[in-house]
PDB file of N, CA and C in Angstrom:
ATOM      1  N   MET A   1     -16.847 -43.799 -41.361  1.00  0.00           N
ATOM      2  CA  MET A   1     -16.356 -43.334 -40.081  1.00  0.00           C
ATOM      3  C   MET A   1     -14.855 -43.572 -40.048  1.00  0.00           C
ATOM      4  N   SER A   2     -14.083 -42.497 -39.829  1.00  0.00           N
ATOM      5  CA  SER A   2     -12.633 -42.646 -39.757  1.00  0.00           C
ATOM      6  C   SER A   2     -12.221 -42.778 -38.293  1.00  0.00           C
ATOM      7  N   THR A   3     -11.219 -43.577 -38.072  1.00  0.00           N
ATOM      8  CA  THR A   3     -10.700 -43.744 -36.737  1.00  0.00           C
ATOM      9  C   THR A   3      -9.250 -43.302 -36.734  1.00  0.00           C
ATOM     10  N   LYS A   4      -8.862 -42.570 -35.719  1.00  0.00           N
ATOM     11  CA  LYS A   4      -7.506 -42.097 -35.588  1.00  0.00           C
ATOM     12  C   LYS A   4      -6.702 -43.130 -34.825  1.00  0.00           C
ATOM     13  N   THR A   5      -5.535 -43.444 -35.342  1.00  0.00           N
ATOM     14  CA  THR A   5      -4.657 -44.367 -34.651  1.00  0.00           C
ATOM     15  C   THR A   5      -3.929 -43.592 -33.555  1.00  0.00           C
ATOM     16  N   LEU A   6      -4.036 -44.092 -32.341  1.00  0.00           N
ATOM     17  CA  LEU A   6      -3.388 -43.447 -31.210  1.00  0.00           C
ATOM     18  C   LEU A   6      -1.899 -43.774 -31.184  1.00  0.00           C
ATOM     19  N   THR A   7      -1.102 -42.796 -30.831  1.00  0.00           N
ATOM     20  CA  THR A   7       0.331 -43.014 -30.658  1.00  0.00           C
ATOM     21  C   THR A   7       0.662 -42.835 -29.188  1.00  0.00           C
ATOM     22  N   VAL A   8       1.853 -43.194 -28.815  1.00  0.00           N
ATOM     23  CA  VAL A   8       2.260 -43.096 -27.411  1.00  0.00           C
ATOM     24  C   VAL A   8       2.183 -41.655 -26.944  1.00  0.00           C
ATOM     25  N   GLU A   9       2.409 -40.693 -27.831  1.00  0.00           N
ATOM     26  CA  GLU A   9       2.369 -39.289 -27.458  1.00  0.00           C
ATOM     27  C   GLU A   9       0.976 -38.831 -27.051  1.00  0.00           C
ATOM     28  N   ASP A  10      -0.065 -39.538 -27.490  1.00  0.00           N
ATOM     29  CA  ASP A  10      -1.443 -39.182 -27.172  1.00  0.00           C
ATOM     30  C   ASP A  10      -1.804 -39.566 -25.718  1.00  0.00           C
ATOM     31  N   PHE A  11      -1.047 -40.452 -25.125  1.00  0.00           N
ATOM     32  CA  PHE A  11      -1.331 -40.935 -23.778  1.00  0.00           C
ATOM     33  C   PHE A  11      -0.624 -40.074 -22.741  1.00  0.00           C
ATOM     34  N   THR A  12      -1.266 -39.934 -21.554  1.00  0.00           N
ATOM     35  CA  THR A  12      -0.651 -39.207 -20.452  1.00  0.00           C
ATOM     36  C   THR A  12      -0.549 -40.119 -19.251  1.00  0.00           C
ATOM     37  N   ASP A  13       0.436 -39.861 -18.408  1.00  0.00           N
ATOM     38  CA  ASP A  13       0.599 -40.674 -17.200  1.00  0.00           C
ATOM     39  C   ASP A  13      -0.303 -40.150 -16.085  1.00  0.00           C
ATOM     40  N   VAL A  14      -0.183 -40.756 -14.923  1.00  0.00           N
ATOM     41  CA  VAL A  14      -1.057 -40.400 -13.796  1.00  0.00           C
ATOM     42  C   VAL A  14      -0.848 -38.954 -13.367  1.00  0.00           C
ATOM     43  N   ALA A  15       0.395 -38.513 -13.285  1.00  0.00           N
ATOM     44  CA  ALA A  15       0.674 -37.153 -12.830  1.00  0.00           C
ATOM     45  C   ALA A  15       0.065 -36.099 -13.764  1.00  0.00           C
ATOM     46  N   GLU A  16       0.265 -36.278 -15.067  1.00  0.00           N
ATOM     47  CA  GLU A  16      -0.261 -35.309 -16.034  1.00  0.00           C
ATOM     48  C   GLU A  16      -1.785 -35.373 -16.106  1.00  0.00           C
ATOM     49  N   THR A  17      -2.342 -36.574 -16.061  1.00  0.00           N
ATOM     50  CA  THR A  17      -3.795 -36.709 -16.112  1.00  0.00           C
ATOM     51  C   THR A  17      -4.461 -36.089 -14.894  1.00  0.00           C
ATOM     52  N   SER A  18      -3.894 -36.314 -13.719  1.00  0.00           N
ATOM     53  CA  SER A  18      -4.488 -35.730 -12.517  1.00  0.00           C
ATOM     54  C   SER A  18      -4.383 -34.208 -12.539  1.00  0.00           C
ATOM     55  N   ARG A  19      -3.297 -33.683 -13.092  1.00  0.00           N
ATOM     56  CA  ARG A  19      -3.151 -32.226 -13.208  1.00  0.00           C
ATOM     57  C   ARG A  19      -4.198 -31.675 -14.178  1.00  0.00           C
ATOM     58  N   ARG A  20      -4.388 -32.330 -15.314  1.00  0.00           N
ATOM     59  CA  ARG A  20      -5.356 -31.856 -16.315  1.00  0.00           C
ATOM     60  C   ARG A  20      -6.787 -31.924 -15.793  1.00  0.00           C
ATOM     61  N   LEU A  21      -7.098 -32.964 -15.029  1.00  0.00           N
ATOM     62  CA  LEU A  21      -8.471 -33.140 -14.562  1.00  0.00           C
ATOM     63  C   LEU A  21      -8.749 -32.451 -13.226  1.00  0.00           C
ATOM     64  N   GLY A  22      -7.689 -32.044 -12.542  1.00  0.00           N
ATOM     65  CA  GLY A  22      -7.865 -31.367 -11.271  1.00  0.00           C
ATOM     66  C   GLY A  22      -8.263 -32.287 -10.128  1.00  0.00           C
ATOM     67  N   ILE A  23      -7.799 -33.531 -10.192  1.00  0.00           N
ATOM     68  CA  ILE A  23      -8.054 -34.467  -9.091  1.00  0.00           C
ATOM     69  C   ILE A  23      -6.719 -35.034  -8.634  1.00  0.00           C
ATOM     70  N   GLY A  24      -6.693 -35.603  -7.451  1.00  0.00           N
ATOM     71  CA  GLY A  24      -5.464 -36.140  -6.908  1.00  0.00           C
ATOM     72  C   GLY A  24      -5.033 -37.428  -7.581  1.00  0.00           C
ATOM     73  N   GLN A  25      -3.727 -37.681  -7.550  1.00  0.00           N
ATOM     74  CA  GLN A  25      -3.196 -38.895  -8.147  1.00  0.00           C
ATOM     75  C   GLN A  25      -3.729 -40.143  -7.453  1.00  0.00           C
ATOM     76  N   ARG A  26      -3.838 -40.098  -6.128  1.00  0.00           N
ATOM     77  CA  ARG A  26      -4.336 -41.262  -5.398  1.00  0.00           C
ATOM     78  C   ARG A  26      -5.789 -41.571  -5.790  1.00  0.00           C
ATOM     79  N   ARG A  27      -6.606 -40.516  -5.925  1.00  0.00           N
ATOM     80  CA  ARG A  27      -8.001 -40.715  -6.311  1.00  0.00           C
ATOM     81  C   ARG A  27      -8.091 -41.308  -7.723  1.00  0.00           C
ATOM     82  N   LEU A  28      -7.212 -40.868  -8.609  1.00  0.00           N
ATOM     83  CA  LEU A  28      -7.202 -41.382  -9.963  1.00  0.00           C
ATOM     84  C   LEU A  28      -6.801 -42.853  -9.985  1.00  0.00           C
ATOM     85  N   ARG A  29      -5.754 -43.193  -9.247  1.00  0.00           N
ATOM     86  CA  ARG A  29      -5.333 -44.612  -9.178  1.00  0.00           C
ATOM     87  C   ARG A  29      -6.415 -45.484  -8.525  1.00  0.00           C
ATOM     88  N   ASP A  30      -7.012 -45.000  -7.459  1.00  0.00           N
ATOM     89  CA  ASP A  30      -8.083 -45.751  -6.805  1.00  0.00           C
ATOM     90  C   ASP A  30      -9.258 -45.934  -7.750  1.00  0.00           C
ATOM     91  N   GLY A  31      -9.566 -44.921  -8.536  1.00  0.00           N
ATOM     92  CA  GLY A  31     -10.647 -45.024  -9.505  1.00  0.00           C
ATOM     93  C   GLY A  31     -10.409 -46.126 -10.517  1.00  0.00           C
ATOM     94  N   VAL A  32      -9.165 -46.243 -10.965  1.00  0.00           N
ATOM     95  CA  VAL A  32      -8.821 -47.293 -11.930  1.00  0.00           C
ATOM     96  C   VAL A  32      -8.869 -48.659 -11.250  1.00  0.00           C
ATOM     97  N   ASN A  33      -8.270 -48.771 -10.070  1.00  0.00           N
ATOM     98  CA  ASN A  33      -8.143 -50.061  -9.417  1.00  0.00           C
ATOM     99  C   ASN A  33      -9.435 -50.571  -8.777  1.00  0.00           C
ATOM    100  N   HIS A  34     -10.324 -49.666  -8.359  1.00  0.00           N
ATOM    101  CA  HIS A  34     -11.494 -50.120  -7.613  1.00  0.00           C
ATOM    102  C   HIS A  34     -12.840 -49.717  -8.209  1.00  0.00           C
ATOM    103  N   PHE A  35     -12.870 -48.710  -9.076  1.00  0.00           N
ATOM    104  CA  PHE A  35     -14.155 -48.201  -9.524  1.00  0.00           C
ATOM    105  C   PHE A  35     -14.343 -48.216 -11.028  1.00  0.00           C
ATOM    106  N   GLY A  36     -13.458 -48.858 -11.763  1.00  0.00           N
ATOM    107  CA  GLY A  36     -13.674 -49.056 -13.186  1.00  0.00           C
ATOM    108  C   GLY A  36     -13.357 -47.880 -14.097  1.00  0.00           C
ATOM    109  N   PHE A  37     -12.491 -46.931 -13.645  1.00  0.00           N
ATOM    110  CA  PHE A  37     -12.076 -45.869 -14.549  1.00  0.00           C
ATOM    111  C   PHE A  37     -11.301 -46.507 -15.700  1.00  0.00           C
ATOM    112  N   PRO A  38     -11.482 -46.013 -16.924  1.00  0.00           N
ATOM    113  CA  PRO A  38     -10.734 -46.592 -18.043  1.00  0.00           C
ATOM    114  C   PRO A  38      -9.272 -46.132 -18.013  1.00  0.00           C
ATOM    115  N   ALA A  39      -8.373 -47.036 -18.342  1.00  0.00           N
ATOM    116  CA  ALA A  39      -6.931 -46.736 -18.398  1.00  0.00           C
ATOM    117  C   ALA A  39      -6.233 -47.871 -19.131  1.00  0.00           C
ATOM    118  N   HIS A  40      -4.975 -47.678 -19.398  1.00  0.00           N
ATOM    119  CA  HIS A  40      -4.148 -48.691 -20.065  1.00  0.00           C
ATOM    120  C   HIS A  40      -2.886 -48.846 -19.245  1.00  0.00           C
ATOM    121  N   ARG A  41      -2.424 -50.068 -19.125  1.00  0.00           N
ATOM    122  CA  ARG A  41      -1.143 -50.318 -18.459  1.00  0.00           C
ATOM    123  C   ARG A  41      -0.102 -50.570 -19.536  1.00  0.00           C
ATOM    124  N   MET A  42       0.939 -49.740 -19.501  1.00  0.00           N
ATOM    125  CA  MET A  42       2.042 -49.886 -20.443  1.00  0.00           C
ATOM    126  C   MET A  42       3.272 -50.186 -19.611  1.00  0.00           C
ATOM    127  N   GLY A  43       3.635 -51.456 -19.586  1.00  0.00           N
ATOM    128  CA  GLY A  43       4.680 -51.885 -18.676  1.00  0.00           C
ATOM    129  C   GLY A  43       4.142 -51.758 -17.264  1.00  0.00           C
ATOM    130  N   ARG A  44       4.839 -51.009 -16.426  1.00  0.00           N
ATOM    131  CA  ARG A  44       4.378 -50.781 -15.067  1.00  0.00           C
ATOM    132  C   ARG A  44       3.666 -49.444 -14.916  1.00  0.00           C
ATOM    133  N   LYS A  45       3.553 -48.699 -16.025  1.00  0.00           N
ATOM    134  CA  LYS A  45       2.922 -47.381 -15.953  1.00  0.00           C
ATOM    135  C   LYS A  45       1.439 -47.452 -16.281  1.00  0.00           C
ATOM    136  N   LEU A  46       0.703 -46.619 -15.606  1.00  0.00           N
ATOM    137  CA  LEU A  46      -0.722 -46.470 -15.847  1.00  0.00           C
ATOM    138  C   LEU A  46      -0.881 -45.258 -16.757  1.00  0.00           C
ATOM    139  N   MET A  47      -1.461 -45.455 -17.943  1.00  0.00           N
ATOM    140  CA  MET A  47      -1.556 -44.393 -18.941  1.00  0.00           C
ATOM    141  C   MET A  47      -3.021 -44.182 -19.344  1.00  0.00           C
ATOM    142  N   PHE A  48      -3.327 -42.951 -19.765  1.00  0.00           N
ATOM    143  CA  PHE A  48      -4.689 -42.570 -20.114  1.00  0.00           C
ATOM    144  C   PHE A  48      -4.728 -41.986 -21.519  1.00  0.00           C
ATOM    145  N   SER A  49      -5.633 -42.507 -22.328  1.00  0.00           N
ATOM    146  CA  SER A  49      -5.835 -41.994 -23.686  1.00  0.00           C
ATOM    147  C   SER A  49      -6.744 -40.764 -23.618  1.00  0.00           C
ATOM    148  N   PRO A  50      -6.853 -40.008 -24.707  1.00  0.00           N
ATOM    149  CA  PRO A  50      -7.771 -38.870 -24.701  1.00  0.00           C
ATOM    150  C   PRO A  50      -9.231 -39.279 -24.407  1.00  0.00           C
ATOM    151  N   GLU A  51      -9.632 -40.455 -24.891  1.00  0.00           N
ATOM    152  CA  GLU A  51     -10.985 -40.943 -24.610  1.00  0.00           C
ATOM    153  C   GLU A  51     -11.163 -41.292 -23.141  1.00  0.00           C
ATOM    154  N   ASP A  52     -10.116 -41.876 -22.540  1.00  0.00           N
ATOM    155  CA  ASP A  52     -10.160 -42.196 -21.106  1.00  0.00           C
ATOM    156  C   ASP A  52     -10.328 -40.915 -20.282  1.00  0.00           C
ATOM    157  N   ARG A  53      -9.537 -39.891 -20.616  1.00  0.00           N
ATOM    158  CA  ARG A  53      -9.625 -38.630 -19.888  1.00  0.00           C
ATOM    159  C   ARG A  53     -10.994 -37.978 -20.051  1.00  0.00           C
ATOM    160  N   ALA A  54     -11.539 -38.039 -21.250  1.00  0.00           N
ATOM    161  CA  ALA A  54     -12.866 -37.447 -21.505  1.00  0.00           C
ATOM    162  C   ALA A  54     -13.933 -38.177 -20.694  1.00  0.00           C
ATOM    163  N   TRP A  55     -13.855 -39.511 -20.617  1.00  0.00           N
ATOM    164  CA  TRP A  55     -14.833 -40.298 -19.861  1.00  0.00           C
ATOM    165  C   TRP A  55     -14.763 -39.942 -18.377  1.00  0.00           C
ATOM    166  N   ILE A  56     -13.555 -39.878 -17.842  1.00  0.00           N
ATOM    167  CA  ILE A  56     -13.393 -39.563 -16.420  1.00  0.00           C
ATOM    168  C   ILE A  56     -13.903 -38.163 -16.136  1.00  0.00           C
ATOM    169  N   ALA A  57     -13.561 -37.216 -17.001  1.00  0.00           N
ATOM    170  CA  ALA A  57     -14.002 -35.837 -16.790  1.00  0.00           C
ATOM    171  C   ALA A  57     -15.520 -35.735 -16.838  1.00  0.00           C
ATOM    172  N   GLU A  58     -16.160 -36.435 -17.745  1.00  0.00           N
ATOM    173  CA  GLU A  58     -17.618 -36.369 -17.891  1.00  0.00           C
ATOM    174  C   GLU A  58     -18.335 -37.048 -16.699  1.00  0.00           C
ATOM    175  N   LYS A  59     -17.872 -38.194 -16.315  1.00  0.00           N
ATOM    176  CA  LYS A  59     -18.546 -38.969 -15.269  1.00  0.00           C
ATOM    177  C   LYS A  59     -18.293 -38.420 -13.865  1.00  0.00           C
ATOM    178  N   HIS A  60     -17.205 -37.714 -13.677  1.00  0.00           N
ATOM    179  CA  HIS A  60     -16.841 -37.333 -12.321  1.00  0.00           C
ATOM    180  C   HIS A  60     -16.700 -35.822 -12.141  1.00  0.00           C
ATOM    181  N   ARG A  61     -17.375 -35.087 -13.000  1.00  0.00           N
ATOM    182  CA  ARG A  61     -17.369 -33.639 -12.801  1.00  0.00           C
ATOM    183  C   ARG A  61     -18.381 -33.293 -11.713  1.00  0.00           C
ATOM    184  N   ILE A  62     -18.156 -32.191 -11.058  1.00  0.00           N
ATOM    185  CA  ILE A  62     -19.074 -31.752 -10.014  1.00  0.00           C
ATOM    186  C   ILE A  62     -19.907 -30.620 -10.626  1.00  0.00           C
ATOM    187  N   PRO A  63     -21.210 -30.854 -10.814  1.00  0.00           N
ATOM    188  CA  PRO A  63     -22.033 -29.822 -11.442  1.00  0.00           C
ATOM    189  C   PRO A  63     -22.142 -28.582 -10.553  1.00  0.00           C
ATOM    190  N   ALA A  64     -22.244 -27.443 -11.213  1.00  0.00           N
ATOM    191  CA  ALA A  64     -22.396 -26.203 -10.476  1.00  0.00           C
ATOM    192  C   ALA A  64     -23.747 -26.193  -9.778  1.00  0.00           C
ATOM    193  N   GLY A  65     -23.768 -25.693  -8.606  1.00  0.00           N
ATOM    194  CA  GLY A  65     -25.018 -25.627  -7.848  1.00  0.00           C
ATOM    195  C   GLY A  65     -25.152 -24.279  -7.184  1.00  0.00           C
ATOM    196  N   ARG A  66     -26.241 -24.072  -6.547  1.00  0.00           N
ATOM    197  CA  ARG A  66     -26.456 -22.819  -5.837  1.00  0.00           C
ATOM    198  C   ARG A  66     -25.732 -22.855  -4.514  1.00  0.00           C
ATOM    199  N   SER A  67     -25.153 -21.746  -4.187  1.00  0.00           N
ATOM    200  CA  SER A  67     -24.457 -21.623  -2.922  1.00  0.00           C
ATOM    201  C   SER A  67     -25.474 -21.502  -1.801  1.00  0.00           C
ATOM    202  N   ALA A  68     -25.224 -22.133  -0.683  1.00  0.00           N
ATOM    203  CA  ALA A  68     -26.136 -22.070   0.460  1.00  0.00           C
ATOM    204  C   ALA A  68     -26.146 -20.685   1.086  1.00  0.00           C
ATOM    205  N   ASN A  69     -25.045 -19.957   0.924  1.00  0.00           N
ATOM    206  CA  ASN A  69     -24.969 -18.652   1.557  1.00  0.00           C
ATOM    207  C   ASN A  69     -24.963 -17.518   0.528  1.00  0.00           C
ATOM    208  N   ARG A  70     -25.686 -17.703  -0.553  1.00  0.00           N
ATOM    209  CA  ARG A  70     -25.712 -16.661  -1.589  1.00  0.00           C
ATOM    210  C   ARG A  70     -26.576 -15.504  -1.135  1.00  0.00           C
ATOM    211  N   ARG A  71     -26.306 -14.345  -1.693  1.00  0.00           N
ATOM    212  CA  ARG A  71     -27.049 -13.141  -1.338  1.00  0.00           C
ATOM    213  C   ARG A  71     -28.360 -13.114  -2.120  1.00  0.00           C
ATOM    214  N   VAL A  72     -29.384 -12.680  -1.457  1.00  0.00           N
ATOM    215  CA  VAL A  72     -30.695 -12.572  -2.102  1.00  0.00           C
ATOM    216  C   VAL A  72     -30.926 -11.091  -2.381  1.00  0.00           C
ATOM    217  N   ARG A  73     -31.344 -10.814  -3.630  1.00  0.00           N
ATOM    218  CA  ARG A  73     -31.609  -9.423  -3.990  1.00  0.00           C
ATOM    219  C   ARG A  73     -32.849  -8.920  -3.303  1.00  0.00           C
ATOM    220  N   ALA A  74     -32.809  -7.690  -2.895  1.00  0.00           N
ATOM    221  CA  ALA A  74     -33.974  -7.067  -2.270  1.00  0.00           C
ATOM    222  C   ALA A  74     -34.979  -6.776  -3.373  1.00  0.00           C
ATOM    223  N   ALA A  75     -36.251  -6.978  -3.099  1.00  0.00           N
ATOM    224  CA  ALA A  75     -37.319  -6.733  -4.068  1.00  0.00           C
ATOM    225  C   ALA A  75     -37.424  -5.230  -4.311  1.00  0.00           C
ATOM    226  N   ALA A  76     -37.573  -4.859  -5.577  1.00  0.00           N
ATOM    227  CA  ALA A  76     -37.703  -3.443  -5.915  1.00  0.00           C
ATOM    228  C   ALA A  76     -39.057  -2.933  -5.415  1.00  0.00           C
ATOM    229  N   ALA A  77     -39.043  -1.786  -4.791  1.00  0.00           N
ATOM    230  CA  ALA A  77     -40.294  -1.264  -4.207  1.00  0.00           C
ATOM    231  C   ALA A  77     -41.047  -0.407  -5.183  1.00  0.00           C
TER     232      ALA A  77
END
């Protein structure tokens, strides 16, 4: 099993991560501080590795569901 060594370029900050995942920056920070989202602190910055982003995207995606007001097809006569 080969492991890739992560470089600083592989990490994204809060603004870029929230843009990529489509969630707000405040929600992302709260997730790290209160709900156990994975992240790394580099100095005073909160940074996310590709694995961190994948975990957050998988655990907090909203599954597609049926719309409550969808149209029903008329039965063929």
